[in-house]
């Protein structure tokens, strides 16, 4: 996994708090369980209906 993906996900809360945006949304293919596990381990919550991740 590229380091930049993890760094972006880890710094998402700081980026969001210092910007005018309300949330950060990440999207994966349903079969991409590795990315889903990473996002969830970093505190992103999965939308059970659409598999969107937001923080």
C-alpha atoms as a PDB file:
ATOM      1  CA  UNK A   1       0.000   0.000   0.000  1.00  0.00           C
ATOM      2  CA  UNK A   2       1.391   3.442  -0.882  1.00  0.00           C
ATOM      3  CA  UNK A   3       2.374   5.446   2.173  1.00  0.00           C
ATOM      4  CA  UNK A   4       0.504   8.469   0.821  1.00  0.00           C
ATOM      5  CA  UNK A   5      -2.882   6.725   1.184  1.00  0.00           C
ATOM      6  CA  UNK A   6      -2.309   5.970   4.862  1.00  0.00           C
ATOM      7  CA  UNK A   7      -0.938   9.464   5.521  1.00  0.00           C
ATOM      8  CA  UNK A   8      -3.921  11.087   3.832  1.00  0.00           C
ATOM      9  CA  UNK A   9      -6.366   8.961   5.815  1.00  0.00           C
ATOM     10  CA  UNK A  10      -4.584   9.615   9.105  1.00  0.00           C
ATOM     11  CA  UNK A  11      -4.456  13.374   8.496  1.00  0.00           C
ATOM     12  CA  UNK A  12      -8.050  13.562   7.280  1.00  0.00           C
ATOM     13  CA  UNK A  13      -9.467  14.794  10.611  1.00  0.00           C
ATOM     14  CA  UNK A  14      -6.914  17.630  10.796  1.00  0.00           C
ATOM     15  CA  UNK A  15      -7.502  18.595   7.169  1.00  0.00           C
ATOM     16  CA  UNK A  16     -11.269  18.612   7.659  1.00  0.00           C
ATOM     17  CA  UNK A  17     -11.092  20.708  10.842  1.00  0.00           C
ATOM     18  CA  UNK A  18      -8.965  23.354   9.090  1.00  0.00           C
ATOM     19  CA  UNK A  19     -11.088  23.565   5.953  1.00  0.00           C
ATOM     20  CA  UNK A  20     -14.619  24.671   5.052  1.00  0.00           C
ATOM     21  CA  UNK A  21     -15.615  21.080   4.237  1.00  0.00           C
ATOM     22  CA  UNK A  22     -18.149  19.184   6.347  1.00  0.00           C
ATOM     23  CA  UNK A  23     -16.809  15.688   5.728  1.00  0.00           C
ATOM     24  CA  UNK A  24     -14.353  13.553   3.821  1.00  0.00           C
ATOM     25  CA  UNK A  25     -15.813  10.732   1.763  1.00  0.00           C
ATOM     26  CA  UNK A  26     -13.861   7.706   0.558  1.00  0.00           C
ATOM     27  CA  UNK A  27     -15.254   5.141  -1.845  1.00  0.00           C
ATOM     28  CA  UNK A  28     -14.119   1.584  -2.558  1.00  0.00           C
ATOM     29  CA  UNK A  29     -15.285  -1.307  -4.640  1.00  0.00           C
ATOM     30  CA  UNK A  30     -17.327  -3.725  -2.533  1.00  0.00           C
ATOM     31  CA  UNK A  31     -14.643  -6.406  -2.932  1.00  0.00           C
ATOM     32  CA  UNK A  32     -11.799  -4.110  -1.737  1.00  0.00           C
ATOM     33  CA  UNK A  33     -11.862  -5.313   1.845  1.00  0.00           C
ATOM     34  CA  UNK A  34      -8.231  -4.330   2.460  1.00  0.00           C
ATOM     35  CA  UNK A  35      -8.988  -0.628   1.906  1.00  0.00           C
ATOM     36  CA  UNK A  36     -12.231  -0.917   3.868  1.00  0.00           C
ATOM     37  CA  UNK A  37     -10.335  -2.394   6.809  1.00  0.00           C
ATOM     38  CA  UNK A  38      -7.787   0.431   6.683  1.00  0.00           C
ATOM     39  CA  UNK A  39     -10.467   3.137   6.626  1.00  0.00           C
ATOM     40  CA  UNK A  40     -12.408   1.566   9.469  1.00  0.00           C
ATOM     41  CA  UNK A  41      -9.239   1.076  11.560  1.00  0.00           C
ATOM     42  CA  UNK A  42      -8.614   4.829  11.251  1.00  0.00           C
ATOM     43  CA  UNK A  43     -12.098   5.769  12.453  1.00  0.00           C
ATOM     44  CA  UNK A  44     -13.969   6.214   9.180  1.00  0.00           C
ATOM     45  CA  UNK A  45     -17.524   4.896   9.337  1.00  0.00           C
ATOM     46  CA  UNK A  46     -19.057   2.815   6.569  1.00  0.00           C
ATOM     47  CA  UNK A  47     -22.434   3.747   5.143  1.00  0.00           C
ATOM     48  CA  UNK A  48     -24.098   0.316   5.107  1.00  0.00           C
ATOM     49  CA  UNK A  49     -26.296   1.201   2.147  1.00  0.00           C
ATOM     50  CA  UNK A  50     -23.688   2.569  -0.261  1.00  0.00           C
ATOM     51  CA  UNK A  51     -20.256   1.589   1.082  1.00  0.00           C
ATOM     52  CA  UNK A  52     -19.166   5.195   1.363  1.00  0.00           C
ATOM     53  CA  UNK A  53     -16.731   6.197   4.099  1.00  0.00           C
ATOM     54  CA  UNK A  54     -16.924   9.532   5.862  1.00  0.00           C
ATOM     55  CA  UNK A  55     -15.305  11.283   8.738  1.00  0.00           C
END
